[in-house]
Amino acid sequence: MATALSVDRLTKYYGNLCALDQVSFEVPERSIFGILGPNGSGKTTLLGTITDVLKPASGSYQWFDKKTDHTLRKQIGTLLETPNFYPYLSAYDNLCINATIKGCPKNDAERVLKITGLWERAYSLFRTYSLGMRQRLALAAALLGNPAVILLDEPTNGLDPAGIADIRKLIIEIGNQGKTVILASHLLDEVEKVCSHVAILKKGKLISKGAVNEIFSNDAIIEIAGPDMAVLRQVISGYPGIKKITPMNNTFHIAVEDNMLDEDINRYCFEHGITLSLLKRVKESLENKFIELTEDKAQIP
């Protein structure tokens, strides 16, 4: 699969505070890629850096395997902060102004209003729009010029449940049209329901990355070993809650239910005549990782 964005050891400081610490990942083209972390984990700093708003201390990034230039920037639509629209103008007129600034045809406003479901209210004044409609209009502005990539920073913040559902559905529809969507969020539920891939940030560090259907598993992985691996496999296969046993060199990785305790597995093996030489948890469920993330107190923009 082609790569839309490559981030290589990206590092950013605010004074002595390290906001991004050698962050590296790749965003597959035509994916919906989530950047997940609590407020203060470095998500906004990362988005600001890959859009040239902020300069990194070290590291690099490339869009479509090329260095950023004016032409490439036109392929990136952004919704990174609360958009400014003129309250006394219609949605259509506001988008025409945005189109002029972006250097794309004014008639593109009709296309993006239809995509975002706002065409019937195209000539209503912006001040009459609900919060959810305003957010959809902001997304319409990001779609002007038909960019290949859409960057979204917390796109459902402040919306009611119906507005959240509308924006999430719209993001999925945009992704299905072949766009690459990069979505920063502090909401586990949002990334799980919308994204195909995810990178998880903690205090500016990348702690996990990969396909959502792999990382969002509720299974934990425990590594075990014993003096007789054949007997160990036979014994552990009989333990309730074991979902999968994978040989890994001289150990087994066992996928277990997330609430299963290590000491229960150790006791079970001992009661069946096996003294384990190794027992360690090598992968927690994403929910546990996310709980760990949200308990952090450090604040990074």
Protein backbone atom coordinates (compact mmCIF):
# COMPACT_ATOMS: atom_id res chain seq x y z
CA MET A 1 0.00 0.00 0.00
CA ALA A 2 1.30 3.47 -0.93
CA THR A 3 2.20 5.89 1.86
CA ALA A 4 0.53 9.28 2.21
CA LEU A 5 2.68 10.52 5.11
CA SER A 6 6.00 9.33 6.53
CA VAL A 7 7.10 10.75 9.90
CA ASP A 8 10.71 10.00 10.87
CA ARG A 9 11.98 10.64 14.43
CA LEU A 10 10.10 13.92 14.70
CA THR A 11 11.14 15.91 17.79
CA LYS A 12 9.81 19.23 19.08
CA TYR A 13 10.61 21.23 22.22
CA TYR A 14 8.86 24.07 24.03
CA GLY A 15 11.74 25.37 26.10
CA ASN A 16 12.85 22.38 28.18
CA LEU A 17 9.61 20.48 27.60
CA CYS A 18 9.81 17.75 24.96
CA ALA A 19 6.48 17.86 23.14
CA LEU A 20 7.40 15.25 20.52
CA ASP A 21 10.09 12.69 21.26
CA GLN A 22 11.43 11.00 18.09
CA VAL A 23 7.98 10.08 16.81
CA SER A 24 7.97 7.83 13.73
CA PHE A 25 5.07 6.27 11.84
CA GLU A 26 3.57 5.95 8.37
CA VAL A 27 0.06 6.76 7.23
CA PRO A 28 -1.18 4.46 4.46
CA GLU A 29 -2.75 6.22 1.51
CA ARG A 30 -6.58 6.16 1.52
CA SER A 31 -6.72 5.18 5.19
CA ILE A 32 -8.50 6.90 8.06
CA PHE A 33 -5.62 7.28 10.48
CA GLY A 34 -6.22 8.14 14.12
CA ILE A 35 -3.75 9.96 16.35
CA LEU A 36 -4.99 9.04 19.81
CA GLY A 37 -4.01 10.51 23.15
CA PRO A 38 -5.37 12.59 26.01
CA ASN A 39 -5.25 16.38 25.99
CA GLY A 40 -1.61 17.33 26.37
CA SER A 41 -0.11 14.28 24.67
CA GLY A 42 1.31 16.19 21.68
CA LYS A 43 -1.39 15.57 19.05
CA THR A 44 -1.87 19.23 18.10
CA THR A 45 1.89 19.80 18.08
CA LEU A 46 2.26 16.88 15.68
CA LEU A 47 -0.44 18.21 13.34
CA GLY A 48 1.05 21.70 13.49
CA THR A 49 4.47 20.33 12.60
CA ILE A 50 3.39 18.23 9.61
CA THR A 51 1.54 21.27 8.20
CA ASP A 52 4.59 23.56 8.51
CA VAL A 53 2.96 25.72 11.17
CA LEU A 54 5.61 24.60 13.68
CA LYS A 55 9.26 23.82 13.07
CA PRO A 56 10.67 20.61 14.59
CA ALA A 57 13.93 20.50 16.54
CA SER A 58 14.93 17.40 14.58
CA GLY A 59 13.51 14.65 12.46
CA SER A 60 11.59 14.94 9.23
CA TYR A 61 8.38 14.07 7.42
CA GLN A 62 7.34 13.61 3.81
CA TRP A 63 4.01 13.75 2.04
CA PHE A 64 3.71 11.16 -0.75
CA ASP A 65 7.48 10.48 -0.49
CA LYS A 66 8.30 14.10 -1.35
CA LYS A 67 9.44 17.17 0.54
CA THR A 68 6.67 19.66 1.20
CA ASP A 69 6.22 22.41 -1.38
CA HIS A 70 3.43 24.74 -2.47
CA THR A 71 1.93 22.14 -4.82
CA LEU A 72 1.84 19.46 -2.15
CA ARG A 73 0.26 21.81 0.39
CA LYS A 74 -2.70 22.24 -1.98
CA GLN A 75 -3.35 18.51 -1.63
CA ILE A 76 -3.91 18.87 2.13
CA GLY A 77 -7.15 20.19 3.58
CA THR A 78 -7.14 21.08 7.28
CA LEU A 79 -9.58 21.57 10.13
CA LEU A 80 -7.18 22.25 12.99
CA GLU A 81 -9.00 24.89 15.03
CA THR A 82 -12.36 26.60 15.30
CA PRO A 83 -12.93 28.08 11.83
CA ASN A 84 -13.77 31.74 11.33
CA PHE A 85 -16.80 32.44 9.16
CA TYR A 86 -18.65 35.70 8.65
CA PRO A 87 -21.92 35.43 10.63
CA TYR A 88 -23.81 37.86 8.35
CA LEU A 89 -22.97 35.92 5.15
CA SER A 90 -24.50 32.70 3.87
CA ALA A 91 -22.67 29.40 4.03
CA TYR A 92 -22.24 29.53 0.25
CA ASP A 93 -20.73 33.02 0.30
CA ASN A 94 -18.41 32.08 3.14
CA LEU A 95 -17.14 29.11 1.16
CA CYS A 96 -16.67 31.26 -1.94
CA ILE A 97 -14.37 33.51 0.09
CA ASN A 98 -12.47 30.45 1.32
CA ALA A 99 -12.22 29.15 -2.24
CA THR A 100 -10.73 32.45 -3.42
CA ILE A 101 -8.13 32.33 -0.64
CA LYS A 102 -7.25 28.74 -1.56
CA GLY A 103 -7.05 29.57 -5.25
CA CYS A 104 -9.77 27.15 -6.33
CA PRO A 105 -12.98 27.85 -8.30
CA LYS A 106 -15.86 29.41 -6.38
CA ASN A 107 -18.29 26.91 -7.85
CA ASP A 108 -16.53 24.21 -5.83
CA ALA A 109 -18.62 25.50 -2.91
CA GLU A 110 -21.66 23.69 -4.32
CA ARG A 111 -19.82 20.36 -4.49
CA VAL A 112 -18.58 20.43 -0.89
CA LEU A 113 -21.92 21.67 0.47
CA LYS A 114 -23.59 18.66 -1.13
CA ILE A 115 -20.95 16.30 0.28
CA THR A 116 -21.51 17.62 3.79
CA GLY A 117 -25.31 17.61 3.51
CA LEU A 118 -25.66 21.40 3.71
CA TRP A 119 -26.82 22.24 0.20
CA GLU A 120 -30.42 22.82 1.25
CA ARG A 121 -29.18 25.44 3.71
CA ALA A 122 -26.50 26.86 1.41
CA TYR A 123 -27.99 30.36 1.41
CA SER A 124 -28.88 30.52 5.10
CA LEU A 125 -26.82 32.95 7.13
CA PHE A 126 -23.99 31.34 9.07
CA ARG A 127 -25.32 32.77 12.33
CA THR A 128 -28.46 30.63 11.94
CA TYR A 129 -26.43 27.41 11.82
CA SER A 130 -26.38 24.98 14.75
CA LEU A 131 -23.02 23.93 16.21
CA GLY A 132 -23.14 20.66 14.30
CA MET A 133 -23.89 22.44 11.02
CA ARG A 134 -21.03 24.87 11.65
CA GLN A 135 -18.67 21.95 12.10
CA ARG A 136 -19.89 20.38 8.86
CA LEU A 137 -19.35 23.73 7.12
CA ALA A 138 -15.80 23.81 8.47
CA LEU A 139 -15.28 20.33 7.03
CA ALA A 140 -16.73 21.56 3.73
CA ALA A 141 -14.13 24.34 3.73
CA ALA A 142 -11.37 21.75 4.25
CA LEU A 143 -12.67 19.82 1.23
CA LEU A 144 -12.45 22.81 -1.13
CA GLY A 145 -10.08 22.14 -4.00
CA ASN A 146 -10.56 18.39 -3.66
CA PRO A 147 -7.41 17.69 -1.58
CA ALA A 148 -6.04 14.15 -1.32
CA VAL A 149 -5.55 14.42 2.47
CA ILE A 150 -7.82 15.83 5.18
CA LEU A 151 -6.37 16.70 8.62
CA LEU A 152 -8.87 16.97 11.50
CA ASP A 153 -8.11 18.00 15.07
CA GLU A 154 -10.81 16.89 17.55
CA PRO A 155 -13.62 17.33 14.97
CA THR A 156 -16.46 16.34 17.33
CA ASN A 157 -15.50 18.52 20.31
CA GLY A 158 -18.50 20.20 21.89
CA LEU A 159 -21.12 18.44 19.77
CA ASP A 160 -24.18 16.65 21.10
CA PRO A 161 -24.56 12.90 20.42
CA ALA A 162 -26.49 13.48 17.18
CA GLY A 163 -23.86 15.94 15.94
CA ILE A 164 -21.06 13.53 16.86
CA ALA A 165 -22.76 10.73 14.93
CA ASP A 166 -23.21 13.00 11.88
CA ILE A 167 -19.55 14.04 11.79
CA ARG A 168 -18.30 10.49 12.29
CA LYS A 169 -20.52 9.23 9.47
CA LEU A 170 -19.30 12.04 7.23
CA ILE A 171 -15.64 11.24 7.97
CA ILE A 172 -16.20 7.60 7.03
CA GLU A 173 -17.95 8.66 3.79
CA ILE A 174 -15.02 10.95 2.91
CA GLY A 175 -12.61 8.09 3.54
CA ASN A 176 -14.70 5.81 1.32
CA GLN A 177 -14.28 8.36 -1.49
CA GLY A 178 -10.55 7.58 -1.57
CA LYS A 179 -9.29 10.41 0.63
CA THR A 180 -6.64 9.95 3.30
CA VAL A 181 -8.03 11.25 6.59
CA ILE A 182 -5.78 11.96 9.59
CA LEU A 183 -7.88 12.40 12.72
CA ALA A 184 -6.53 13.54 16.09
CA SER A 185 -8.75 12.68 19.05
CA HIS A 186 -8.66 12.01 22.78
CA LEU A 187 -11.70 9.73 22.46
CA LEU A 188 -11.01 6.00 22.33
CA ASP A 189 -14.55 5.34 21.07
CA GLU A 190 -14.16 7.80 18.19
CA VAL A 191 -10.92 6.32 16.88
CA GLU A 192 -12.18 2.75 17.32
CA LYS A 193 -15.38 3.41 15.34
CA VAL A 194 -13.97 5.63 12.59
CA CYS A 195 -10.31 4.79 11.93
CA SER A 196 -8.57 1.96 10.09
CA HIS A 197 -5.14 2.67 11.62
CA VAL A 198 -3.96 4.38 14.80
CA ALA A 199 -0.91 5.85 16.52
CA ILE A 200 -1.07 6.36 20.29
CA LEU A 201 0.83 9.23 21.92
CA LYS A 202 1.83 9.62 25.56
CA LYS A 203 3.79 12.66 26.78
CA GLY A 204 4.98 13.20 23.22
CA LYS A 205 6.16 9.60 22.81
CA LEU A 206 4.70 7.10 20.40
CA ILE A 207 3.71 4.07 22.48
CA SER A 208 1.81 2.02 19.90
CA LYS A 209 0.85 2.04 16.23
CA GLY A 210 -0.82 -0.27 13.73
CA ALA A 211 -4.12 -1.42 12.28
CA VAL A 212 -7.15 -0.72 14.46
CA ASN A 213 -8.46 -4.28 14.27
CA GLU A 214 -5.17 -5.51 15.75
CA ILE A 215 -4.46 -2.86 18.38
CA PHE A 216 -8.06 -2.49 19.49
CA SER A 217 -8.31 -6.10 20.55
CA ASN A 218 -9.63 -6.65 24.06
CA ASP A 219 -7.25 -9.57 24.41
CA ALA A 220 -4.08 -9.40 26.47
CA ILE A 221 -0.95 -11.30 25.43
CA ILE A 222 1.01 -13.23 28.06
CA GLU A 223 4.38 -14.84 27.34
CA ILE A 224 5.07 -18.14 29.12
CA ALA A 225 7.73 -20.85 29.10
CA GLY A 226 8.50 -24.01 31.03
CA PRO A 227 10.96 -26.93 31.14
CA ASP A 228 8.88 -29.07 28.76
CA MET A 229 7.20 -26.90 26.16
CA ALA A 230 5.20 -29.75 24.62
CA VAL A 231 3.64 -30.62 27.98
CA LEU A 232 3.11 -26.91 28.73
CA ARG A 233 1.17 -26.44 25.52
CA GLN A 234 -1.01 -29.43 26.29
CA VAL A 235 -1.72 -28.19 29.81
CA ILE A 236 -2.33 -24.54 28.98
CA SER A 237 -4.68 -25.50 26.13
CA GLY A 238 -7.07 -26.77 28.76
CA TYR A 239 -7.23 -23.53 30.70
CA PRO A 240 -10.57 -21.69 30.26
CA GLY A 241 -10.24 -18.32 28.56
CA ILE A 242 -7.18 -19.14 26.43
CA LYS A 243 -8.06 -17.88 22.94
CA LYS A 244 -4.87 -18.55 21.01
CA ILE A 245 -1.42 -20.06 21.57
CA THR A 246 1.40 -18.86 19.32
CA PRO A 247 4.92 -20.37 19.48
CA MET A 248 7.56 -17.62 19.73
CA ASN A 249 11.12 -19.02 19.66
CA ASN A 250 11.37 -20.87 22.99
CA THR A 251 8.20 -19.41 24.50
CA PHE A 252 4.45 -19.28 23.89
CA HIS A 253 2.42 -16.11 23.44
CA ILE A 254 -1.07 -16.80 24.72
CA ALA A 255 -4.02 -14.52 23.96
CA VAL A 256 -6.27 -14.34 26.99
CA GLU A 257 -9.29 -12.41 28.13
CA ASP A 258 -8.23 -9.02 29.41
CA ASN A 259 -9.47 -9.61 32.96
CA MET A 260 -7.52 -12.84 33.40
CA LEU A 261 -4.90 -12.66 36.18
CA ASP A 262 -1.30 -13.77 35.66
CA GLU A 263 -1.21 -15.46 39.07
CA ASP A 264 -4.21 -17.63 38.15
CA ILE A 265 -2.36 -18.95 35.11
CA ASN A 266 0.76 -19.57 37.20
CA ARG A 267 -1.28 -21.44 39.83
CA TYR A 268 -3.07 -23.52 37.20
CA CYS A 269 0.22 -24.63 35.63
CA PHE A 270 1.73 -25.44 39.04
CA GLU A 271 -1.30 -27.53 40.00
CA HIS A 272 -0.79 -29.49 36.78
CA GLY A 273 2.85 -30.24 37.52
CA ILE A 274 4.53 -27.39 35.62
CA THR A 275 6.72 -24.74 37.24
CA LEU A 276 6.85 -21.86 34.77
CA SER A 277 10.28 -20.41 34.04
CA LEU A 278 8.74 -17.33 32.41
CA LEU A 279 5.44 -15.54 32.79
CA LYS A 280 5.09 -11.91 31.72
CA ARG A 281 2.41 -9.77 30.16
CA VAL A 282 3.67 -8.41 26.86
CA LYS A 283 0.53 -6.68 25.58
CA GLU A 284 -2.33 -5.06 27.42
CA SER A 285 -5.61 -4.32 25.72
CA LEU A 286 -5.86 -0.86 24.20
CA GLU A 287 -8.43 0.08 26.82
CA ASN A 288 -5.84 -0.51 29.56
CA LYS A 289 -3.26 1.47 27.59
CA PHE A 290 -5.71 4.30 27.18
CA ILE A 291 -6.57 4.35 30.87
CA GLU A 292 -2.85 4.67 31.53
CA LEU A 293 -2.68 7.54 29.05
CA THR A 294 -5.54 9.49 30.53
CA GLU A 295 -4.07 9.29 34.02
CA ASP A 296 -1.07 11.35 32.94
CA LYS A 297 -0.99 14.90 34.29
CA ALA A 298 1.69 16.45 32.06
CA GLN A 299 0.29 18.95 29.56
CA ILE A 300 1.76 19.36 26.09
CA PRO A 301 -0.03 21.51 23.49
